N, C-alpha and C. Protein backbone atom coordinates (compact mmCIF):
# COMPACT_ATOMS: atom_id res chain seq x y z
N UNK A 1 168.17 58.31 94.73
CA UNK A 1 166.81 58.53 94.35
C UNK A 1 166.73 58.73 92.85
N UNK A 2 165.85 58.04 92.23
CA UNK A 2 165.74 58.17 90.78
C UNK A 2 164.69 59.21 90.45
N UNK A 3 164.91 59.83 89.33
CA UNK A 3 163.96 60.86 88.90
C UNK A 3 162.87 60.22 88.07
N UNK A 4 161.68 60.59 88.39
CA UNK A 4 160.52 60.10 87.64
C UNK A 4 159.78 61.32 87.12
N UNK A 5 159.65 61.42 85.84
CA UNK A 5 159.03 62.60 85.27
C UNK A 5 157.52 62.61 85.46
N UNK A 6 156.91 61.51 85.61
CA UNK A 6 155.46 61.45 85.74
C UNK A 6 155.02 61.86 87.13
N UNK A 7 155.79 61.47 88.15
CA UNK A 7 155.39 61.75 89.52
C UNK A 7 156.58 62.33 90.27
N UNK A 8 156.26 63.29 91.11
CA UNK A 8 157.30 63.85 91.96
C UNK A 8 157.03 63.36 93.37
N UNK A 9 157.67 62.26 93.75
CA UNK A 9 157.45 61.66 95.06
C UNK A 9 158.19 62.41 96.17
N UNK A 10 158.99 63.33 95.77
CA UNK A 10 159.73 64.07 96.79
C UNK A 10 158.79 64.94 97.63
N UNK A 11 157.66 65.26 97.10
CA UNK A 11 156.70 66.06 97.85
C UNK A 11 156.14 65.30 99.03
N UNK A 12 156.12 64.00 98.95
CA UNK A 12 155.57 63.18 100.01
C UNK A 12 156.61 62.78 101.06
N UNK A 13 157.84 63.05 100.81
CA UNK A 13 158.89 62.70 101.76
C UNK A 13 158.93 63.73 102.87
N UNK A 14 159.23 63.28 104.02
CA UNK A 14 159.33 64.18 105.16
C UNK A 14 160.68 64.87 105.13
N UNK A 15 160.63 66.13 105.37
CA UNK A 15 161.88 66.90 105.41
C UNK A 15 162.24 67.18 106.86
N UNK A 16 163.45 67.48 107.05
CA UNK A 16 163.93 67.75 108.39
C UNK A 16 163.33 69.03 108.94
N UNK A 17 163.05 69.98 108.07
CA UNK A 17 162.51 71.26 108.54
C UNK A 17 161.10 71.09 109.07
N UNK A 18 160.34 70.27 108.45
CA UNK A 18 158.97 70.05 108.90
C UNK A 18 158.98 69.36 110.25
N UNK A 19 159.90 68.46 110.44
CA UNK A 19 160.01 67.77 111.72
C UNK A 19 160.38 68.75 112.83
N UNK A 20 161.24 69.71 112.53
CA UNK A 20 161.66 70.69 113.51
C UNK A 20 160.48 71.57 113.91
N UNK A 21 159.63 71.94 112.97
CA UNK A 21 158.48 72.79 113.25
C UNK A 21 157.50 72.07 114.16
N UNK A 22 157.32 70.83 113.96
CA UNK A 22 156.39 70.07 114.77
C UNK A 22 156.88 69.98 116.21
N UNK A 23 158.16 69.97 116.37
CA UNK A 23 158.71 69.81 117.69
C UNK A 23 158.58 71.07 118.52
N UNK A 24 158.66 72.22 117.88
CA UNK A 24 158.54 73.46 118.64
C UNK A 24 157.06 73.75 118.84
N UNK A 25 156.62 74.00 120.01
CA UNK A 25 155.23 74.22 120.35
C UNK A 25 155.02 75.72 120.54
N UNK A 26 154.19 76.31 119.74
CA UNK A 26 153.90 77.73 119.83
C UNK A 26 152.47 77.92 120.28
N UNK A 27 152.02 77.27 121.26
CA UNK A 27 150.66 77.35 121.74
C UNK A 27 150.55 78.52 122.70
N UNK A 28 149.45 79.30 122.53
CA UNK A 28 149.20 80.44 123.41
C UNK A 28 148.06 80.04 124.33
N UNK A 29 148.24 80.27 125.58
CA UNK A 29 147.20 79.94 126.54
C UNK A 29 146.43 81.21 126.86
N UNK A 30 145.07 81.10 126.74
CA UNK A 30 144.20 82.24 127.01
C UNK A 30 143.31 81.91 128.19
N UNK A 31 142.94 82.97 128.90
CA UNK A 31 141.99 82.72 129.97
C UNK A 31 140.60 82.58 129.36
N UNK A 32 139.65 82.21 130.18
CA UNK A 32 138.32 81.84 129.68
C UNK A 32 137.57 83.03 129.06
N UNK A 33 137.72 84.22 129.62
CA UNK A 33 137.06 85.41 129.07
C UNK A 33 137.54 85.72 127.66
N UNK A 34 138.82 85.69 127.48
CA UNK A 34 139.38 85.96 126.16
C UNK A 34 139.00 84.86 125.17
N UNK A 35 138.93 83.65 125.65
CA UNK A 35 138.54 82.53 124.79
C UNK A 35 137.10 82.72 124.30
N UNK A 36 136.18 83.08 125.21
CA UNK A 36 134.79 83.33 124.82
C UNK A 36 134.67 84.52 123.89
N UNK A 37 135.47 85.56 124.14
CA UNK A 37 135.45 86.75 123.30
C UNK A 37 135.91 86.41 121.88
N UNK A 38 136.91 85.58 121.74
CA UNK A 38 137.42 85.19 120.43
C UNK A 38 136.48 84.22 119.72
N UNK A 39 135.72 83.45 120.49
CA UNK A 39 134.82 82.48 119.89
C UNK A 39 133.52 83.11 119.38
N UNK A 40 133.18 84.29 119.85
CA UNK A 40 131.96 84.96 119.40
C UNK A 40 132.03 85.26 117.91
N UNK A 41 130.86 85.14 117.27
CA UNK A 41 130.79 85.44 115.83
C UNK A 41 130.74 86.95 115.68
N UNK A 42 131.56 87.45 114.81
CA UNK A 42 131.60 88.89 114.58
C UNK A 42 130.82 89.18 113.31
N UNK A 43 129.77 89.99 113.46
CA UNK A 43 128.92 90.32 112.33
C UNK A 43 129.35 91.65 111.73
N UNK A 44 129.30 91.70 110.43
CA UNK A 44 129.58 92.95 109.74
C UNK A 44 128.25 93.68 109.55
N UNK A 45 128.22 94.99 109.74
CA UNK A 45 126.95 95.74 109.63
C UNK A 45 126.31 95.61 108.24
N UNK A 46 127.09 95.62 107.20
CA UNK A 46 126.53 95.51 105.84
C UNK A 46 125.87 94.15 105.65
N UNK A 47 126.47 93.10 106.19
CA UNK A 47 125.90 91.77 106.06
C UNK A 47 124.60 91.66 106.85
N UNK A 48 124.57 92.28 108.03
CA UNK A 48 123.36 92.24 108.86
C UNK A 48 122.22 92.98 108.15
N UNK A 49 122.51 94.16 107.62
CA UNK A 49 121.50 94.94 106.91
C UNK A 49 121.02 94.18 105.67
N UNK A 50 121.94 93.55 104.96
CA UNK A 50 121.57 92.76 103.79
C UNK A 50 120.66 91.60 104.13
N UNK A 51 120.96 90.92 105.22
CA UNK A 51 120.12 89.79 105.65
C UNK A 51 118.73 90.27 106.07
N UNK A 52 118.67 91.40 106.77
CA UNK A 52 117.37 91.95 107.18
C UNK A 52 116.55 92.33 105.95
N UNK A 53 117.18 92.98 104.98
CA UNK A 53 116.48 93.34 103.74
C UNK A 53 116.00 92.09 103.01
N UNK A 54 116.83 91.08 102.93
CA UNK A 54 116.44 89.83 102.28
C UNK A 54 115.27 89.18 103.00
N UNK A 55 115.30 89.19 104.33
CA UNK A 55 114.19 88.62 105.10
C UNK A 55 112.90 89.42 104.86
N UNK A 56 112.99 90.75 104.83
CA UNK A 56 111.81 91.59 104.58
C UNK A 56 111.24 91.35 103.18
N UNK A 57 112.12 91.22 102.20
CA UNK A 57 111.65 90.95 100.83
C UNK A 57 110.97 89.58 100.77
N UNK A 58 111.54 88.59 101.44
CA UNK A 58 110.95 87.26 101.46
C UNK A 58 109.57 87.29 102.12
N UNK A 59 109.46 87.99 103.23
CA UNK A 59 108.16 88.11 103.92
C UNK A 59 107.15 88.83 103.02
N UNK A 60 107.58 89.87 102.32
CA UNK A 60 106.68 90.61 101.43
C UNK A 60 106.19 89.74 100.28
N UNK A 61 107.07 88.96 99.69
CA UNK A 61 106.68 88.08 98.58
C UNK A 61 105.71 87.01 99.06
N UNK A 62 105.99 86.41 100.19
CA UNK A 62 105.11 85.37 100.72
C UNK A 62 103.75 85.97 101.09
N UNK A 63 103.77 87.16 101.70
CA UNK A 63 102.51 87.82 102.07
C UNK A 63 101.67 88.16 100.85
N UNK A 64 102.31 88.70 99.82
CA UNK A 64 101.54 89.04 98.62
C UNK A 64 100.99 87.78 97.94
N UNK A 65 101.73 86.69 98.00
CA UNK A 65 101.23 85.43 97.45
C UNK A 65 100.02 84.94 98.22
N UNK A 66 100.07 85.03 99.53
CA UNK A 66 98.93 84.60 100.35
C UNK A 66 97.72 85.49 100.10
N UNK A 67 97.94 86.80 100.03
CA UNK A 67 96.83 87.73 99.76
C UNK A 67 96.22 87.44 98.38
N UNK A 68 97.05 87.16 97.40
CA UNK A 68 96.56 86.83 96.06
C UNK A 68 95.72 85.56 96.07
N UNK A 69 96.16 84.56 96.79
CA UNK A 69 95.41 83.31 96.87
C UNK A 69 94.07 83.51 97.57
N UNK A 70 94.07 84.33 98.63
CA UNK A 70 92.81 84.62 99.34
C UNK A 70 91.84 85.33 98.41
N UNK A 71 92.34 86.32 97.67
CA UNK A 71 91.49 87.07 96.74
C UNK A 71 90.96 86.15 95.64
N UNK A 72 91.81 85.27 95.16
CA UNK A 72 91.40 84.32 94.13
C UNK A 72 90.30 83.39 94.65
N UNK A 73 90.43 82.96 95.88
CA UNK A 73 89.40 82.10 96.49
C UNK A 73 88.09 82.87 96.64
N UNK A 74 88.16 84.14 97.06
CA UNK A 74 86.95 84.95 97.20
C UNK A 74 86.26 85.13 95.85
N UNK A 75 87.04 85.42 94.82
CA UNK A 75 86.46 85.62 93.49
C UNK A 75 85.85 84.33 92.95
N UNK A 76 86.49 83.22 93.22
CA UNK A 76 85.96 81.93 92.77
C UNK A 76 84.62 81.63 93.44
N UNK A 77 84.54 81.89 94.74
CA UNK A 77 83.26 81.64 95.43
C UNK A 77 82.19 82.62 94.95
N UNK A 78 82.57 83.85 94.64
CA UNK A 78 81.61 84.82 94.10
C UNK A 78 81.11 84.39 92.73
N UNK A 79 82.01 83.90 91.89
CA UNK A 79 81.61 83.41 90.57
C UNK A 79 80.67 82.22 90.70
N UNK A 80 80.97 81.31 91.61
CA UNK A 80 80.10 80.15 91.80
C UNK A 80 78.71 80.57 92.27
N UNK A 81 78.65 81.57 93.17
CA UNK A 81 77.35 82.05 93.65
C UNK A 81 76.56 82.70 92.51
N UNK A 82 77.25 83.48 91.68
CA UNK A 82 76.57 84.13 90.55
C UNK A 82 76.11 83.11 89.51
N UNK A 83 76.91 82.07 89.30
CA UNK A 83 76.49 81.02 88.35
C UNK A 83 75.25 80.29 88.87
N UNK A 84 75.21 80.04 90.17
CA UNK A 84 74.02 79.40 90.75
C UNK A 84 72.80 80.30 90.61
N UNK A 85 73.00 81.59 90.84
CA UNK A 85 71.90 82.55 90.69
C UNK A 85 71.44 82.61 89.23
N UNK A 86 72.39 82.55 88.30
CA UNK A 86 72.05 82.56 86.88
C UNK A 86 71.22 81.33 86.51
N UNK A 87 71.64 80.17 86.99
CA UNK A 87 70.89 78.94 86.70
C UNK A 87 69.49 79.01 87.28
N UNK A 88 69.35 79.58 88.46
CA UNK A 88 68.04 79.72 89.08
C UNK A 88 67.17 80.68 88.27
N UNK A 89 67.77 81.77 87.80
CA UNK A 89 67.02 82.73 86.97
C UNK A 89 66.59 82.10 85.65
N UNK A 90 67.46 81.27 85.08
CA UNK A 90 67.10 80.57 83.85
C UNK A 90 65.90 79.65 84.09
N UNK A 91 65.91 78.98 85.22
CA UNK A 91 64.81 78.08 85.54
C UNK A 91 63.50 78.86 85.72
N UNK A 92 63.57 80.00 86.41
CA UNK A 92 62.38 80.84 86.60
C UNK A 92 61.89 81.35 85.26
N UNK A 93 62.81 81.75 84.39
CA UNK A 93 62.44 82.24 83.06
C UNK A 93 61.71 81.16 82.27
N UNK A 94 62.22 79.94 82.34
CA UNK A 94 61.58 78.83 81.62
C UNK A 94 60.17 78.59 82.17
N UNK A 95 60.02 78.65 83.48
CA UNK A 95 58.69 78.46 84.08
C UNK A 95 57.73 79.56 83.64
N UNK A 96 58.20 80.80 83.66
CA UNK A 96 57.34 81.92 83.24
C UNK A 96 56.99 81.83 81.76
N UNK A 97 57.94 81.41 80.96
CA UNK A 97 57.68 81.26 79.53
C UNK A 97 56.62 80.19 79.28
N UNK A 98 56.69 79.11 80.03
CA UNK A 98 55.67 78.05 79.90
C UNK A 98 54.30 78.57 80.34
N UNK A 99 54.26 79.36 81.40
CA UNK A 99 52.98 79.93 81.85
C UNK A 99 52.39 80.85 80.79
N UNK A 100 53.24 81.67 80.16
CA UNK A 100 52.76 82.57 79.11
C UNK A 100 52.23 81.77 77.94
N UNK A 101 52.93 80.72 77.55
CA UNK A 101 52.48 79.90 76.43
C UNK A 101 51.14 79.25 76.73
N UNK A 102 50.95 78.80 77.96
CA UNK A 102 49.66 78.17 78.28
C UNK A 102 48.54 79.20 78.33
N UNK A 103 48.84 80.42 78.77
CA UNK A 103 47.79 81.44 78.83
C UNK A 103 47.47 82.01 77.46
N UNK A 104 48.43 81.98 76.54
CA UNK A 104 48.22 82.55 75.22
C UNK A 104 47.99 81.49 74.14
N UNK A 105 47.63 80.31 74.52
CA UNK A 105 47.37 79.28 73.51
C UNK A 105 46.06 79.63 72.78
N UNK A 106 45.88 79.12 71.58
CA UNK A 106 44.70 79.45 70.78
C UNK A 106 43.41 78.98 71.44
N UNK A 107 43.46 77.86 72.11
CA UNK A 107 42.27 77.38 72.81
C UNK A 107 41.85 78.33 73.92
N UNK A 108 42.83 78.84 74.66
CA UNK A 108 42.53 79.77 75.75
C UNK A 108 41.98 81.09 75.19
N UNK A 109 42.58 81.55 74.10
CA UNK A 109 42.10 82.81 73.50
C UNK A 109 40.68 82.63 72.98
N UNK A 110 40.40 81.53 72.33
CA UNK A 110 39.05 81.28 71.81
C UNK A 110 38.05 81.18 72.96
N UNK A 111 38.46 80.50 74.02
CA UNK A 111 37.57 80.37 75.18
C UNK A 111 37.28 81.74 75.80
N UNK A 112 38.30 82.57 75.92
CA UNK A 112 38.12 83.91 76.50
C UNK A 112 37.20 84.77 75.63
N UNK A 113 37.40 84.72 74.32
CA UNK A 113 36.56 85.56 73.43
C UNK A 113 35.11 85.09 73.43
N UNK A 114 34.87 83.82 73.50
CA UNK A 114 33.48 83.35 73.48
C UNK A 114 32.79 83.56 74.83
N UNK A 115 33.51 83.39 75.92
CA UNK A 115 32.88 83.50 77.23
C UNK A 115 32.88 84.93 77.77
N UNK A 116 33.99 85.61 77.69
CA UNK A 116 34.10 86.94 78.30
C UNK A 116 33.61 88.05 77.36
N UNK A 117 33.90 87.95 76.08
CA UNK A 117 33.55 89.02 75.14
C UNK A 117 32.29 88.70 74.33
N UNK A 118 31.69 87.55 74.54
CA UNK A 118 30.48 87.12 73.84
C UNK A 118 30.64 87.18 72.33
N UNK A 119 31.75 86.73 71.83
CA UNK A 119 32.00 86.71 70.39
C UNK A 119 31.84 85.28 69.90
N UNK A 120 31.41 85.17 68.63
CA UNK A 120 31.27 83.86 68.01
C UNK A 120 32.34 83.70 66.94
N UNK A 121 32.50 82.47 66.48
CA UNK A 121 33.44 82.22 65.39
C UNK A 121 32.86 82.77 64.10
N UNK A 122 33.72 83.10 63.17
CA UNK A 122 33.33 83.64 61.87
C UNK A 122 32.61 82.57 61.06
N UNK A 123 31.49 82.98 60.45
CA UNK A 123 30.71 82.07 59.62
C UNK A 123 30.90 82.46 58.17
N UNK A 124 30.66 81.51 57.27
CA UNK A 124 30.85 81.77 55.85
C UNK A 124 29.90 82.86 55.32
N UNK A 125 28.75 83.01 55.91
CA UNK A 125 27.81 84.03 55.45
C UNK A 125 28.29 85.44 55.78
N UNK A 126 29.22 85.55 56.71
CA UNK A 126 29.74 86.86 57.08
C UNK A 126 30.90 87.29 56.20
N UNK A 127 31.39 86.43 55.36
CA UNK A 127 32.54 86.75 54.51
C UNK A 127 32.04 87.41 53.23
N UNK A 128 32.61 88.54 52.86
CA UNK A 128 32.29 89.25 51.63
C UNK A 128 33.59 89.38 50.84
N UNK A 129 33.52 88.92 49.58
CA UNK A 129 34.70 88.97 48.73
C UNK A 129 34.62 90.21 47.85
N UNK A 130 35.69 90.89 47.66
CA UNK A 130 35.76 92.08 46.82
C UNK A 130 36.66 91.75 45.65
N UNK A 131 36.16 91.97 44.43
CA UNK A 131 36.91 91.68 43.22
C UNK A 131 37.52 92.99 42.73
N UNK A 132 38.82 93.07 42.68
CA UNK A 132 39.51 94.30 42.29
C UNK A 132 40.16 94.20 40.91
N UNK A 133 40.06 93.10 40.23
CA UNK A 133 40.80 92.93 38.99
C UNK A 133 40.06 93.42 37.75
N UNK A 134 38.77 93.76 37.82
CA UNK A 134 38.02 94.15 36.62
C UNK A 134 38.41 95.51 36.07
N UNK A 135 38.17 96.53 36.78
CA UNK A 135 38.34 97.85 36.20
C UNK A 135 39.39 98.69 36.86
N UNK A 136 40.34 98.08 37.45
CA UNK A 136 41.38 98.88 38.10
C UNK A 136 42.37 99.36 37.06
N UNK A 137 42.62 100.64 37.07
CA UNK A 137 43.60 101.22 36.17
C UNK A 137 44.17 102.45 36.83
N UNK A 138 45.39 102.74 36.49
CA UNK A 138 46.05 103.92 37.06
C UNK A 138 46.24 104.91 35.93
N UNK A 139 45.74 106.12 36.11
CA UNK A 139 45.91 107.18 35.14
C UNK A 139 46.86 108.22 35.72
N UNK A 140 47.85 108.57 34.94
CA UNK A 140 48.80 109.58 35.38
C UNK A 140 48.51 110.84 34.59
N UNK A 141 48.20 111.86 35.29
CA UNK A 141 47.90 113.15 34.65
C UNK A 141 49.20 113.93 34.60
N UNK A 142 49.58 114.31 33.40
CA UNK A 142 50.81 115.07 33.25
C UNK A 142 50.51 116.42 32.62
N UNK A 143 51.34 117.34 32.89
CA UNK A 143 51.16 118.68 32.35
C UNK A 143 51.69 118.72 30.92
N UNK A 144 51.11 119.57 30.07
CA UNK A 144 51.54 119.62 28.67
C UNK A 144 52.99 120.08 28.51
N UNK A 145 53.45 120.96 29.36
CA UNK A 145 54.83 121.42 29.25
C UNK A 145 55.81 120.29 29.53
N UNK A 146 55.49 119.44 30.46
CA UNK A 146 56.36 118.33 30.80
C UNK A 146 56.48 117.35 29.65
N UNK A 147 55.42 117.18 28.87
CA UNK A 147 55.46 116.27 27.72
C UNK A 147 56.41 116.80 26.67
N UNK A 148 56.34 118.12 26.36
CA UNK A 148 57.22 118.71 25.37
C UNK A 148 58.68 118.64 25.82
N UNK A 149 58.93 118.87 27.06
CA UNK A 149 60.31 118.83 27.57
C UNK A 149 60.86 117.41 27.50
N UNK A 150 60.05 116.42 27.84
CA UNK A 150 60.48 115.04 27.77
C UNK A 150 60.74 114.62 26.34
N UNK A 151 59.92 115.10 25.39
CA UNK A 151 60.11 114.77 23.98
C UNK A 151 61.40 115.37 23.46
N UNK A 152 61.72 116.59 23.88
CA UNK A 152 62.96 117.24 23.43
C UNK A 152 64.18 116.50 24.00
N UNK A 153 64.12 116.11 25.26
CA UNK A 153 65.22 115.38 25.88
C UNK A 153 65.46 114.05 25.18
N UNK A 154 64.37 113.40 24.82
CA UNK A 154 64.50 112.11 24.14
C UNK A 154 65.09 112.27 22.75
N UNK A 155 64.70 113.32 22.01
CA UNK A 155 65.23 113.56 20.68
C UNK A 155 66.71 113.87 20.74
N UNK A 156 67.13 114.64 21.74
CA UNK A 156 68.55 114.99 21.86
C UNK A 156 69.36 113.75 22.22
N UNK A 157 68.85 112.93 23.11
CA UNK A 157 69.60 111.73 23.49
C UNK A 157 69.69 110.73 22.32
N UNK A 158 68.65 110.66 21.50
CA UNK A 158 68.69 109.79 20.31
C UNK A 158 69.70 110.32 19.29
N UNK A 159 69.75 111.65 19.13
CA UNK A 159 70.66 112.26 18.18
C UNK A 159 72.11 112.06 18.60
N UNK A 160 72.38 112.13 19.89
CA UNK A 160 73.75 112.00 20.41
C UNK A 160 74.25 110.56 20.32
N UNK A 161 73.38 109.63 20.45
CA UNK A 161 73.84 108.26 20.44
C UNK A 161 73.77 107.66 19.08
């Protein structure tokens, strides 16, 4: 056998010891009860508790997500109802504003004053003009002591500057 440094083919060759092991049969025969007992899955208590906790956490997360979505849907429908109510109120406001404008128009006011209050329109003969520009003057009466005090203050300020 030649040595090959890249591959060790001796690992793939059958040895006499392996052949001997195959020939000896160490099979144990069990009755059916023991076979079923050995085939049962054995659960560890910590693993069972962990799985239960994980399942409970998963159920809680899914439940809270569903509750959140339900609440979001309720709020959305409430917002839509309020927006519809707002639009209706805007429409009513516009109608009322138009009614006020028609009732308070100048033609309506003139008609009401002439028919209900028996008033006539103003005529030029009823207008009287007052001329205030001829002799209007403002006189300020001051006390003599105040004049002397003001004169002294003015002289001192002139002297200082």
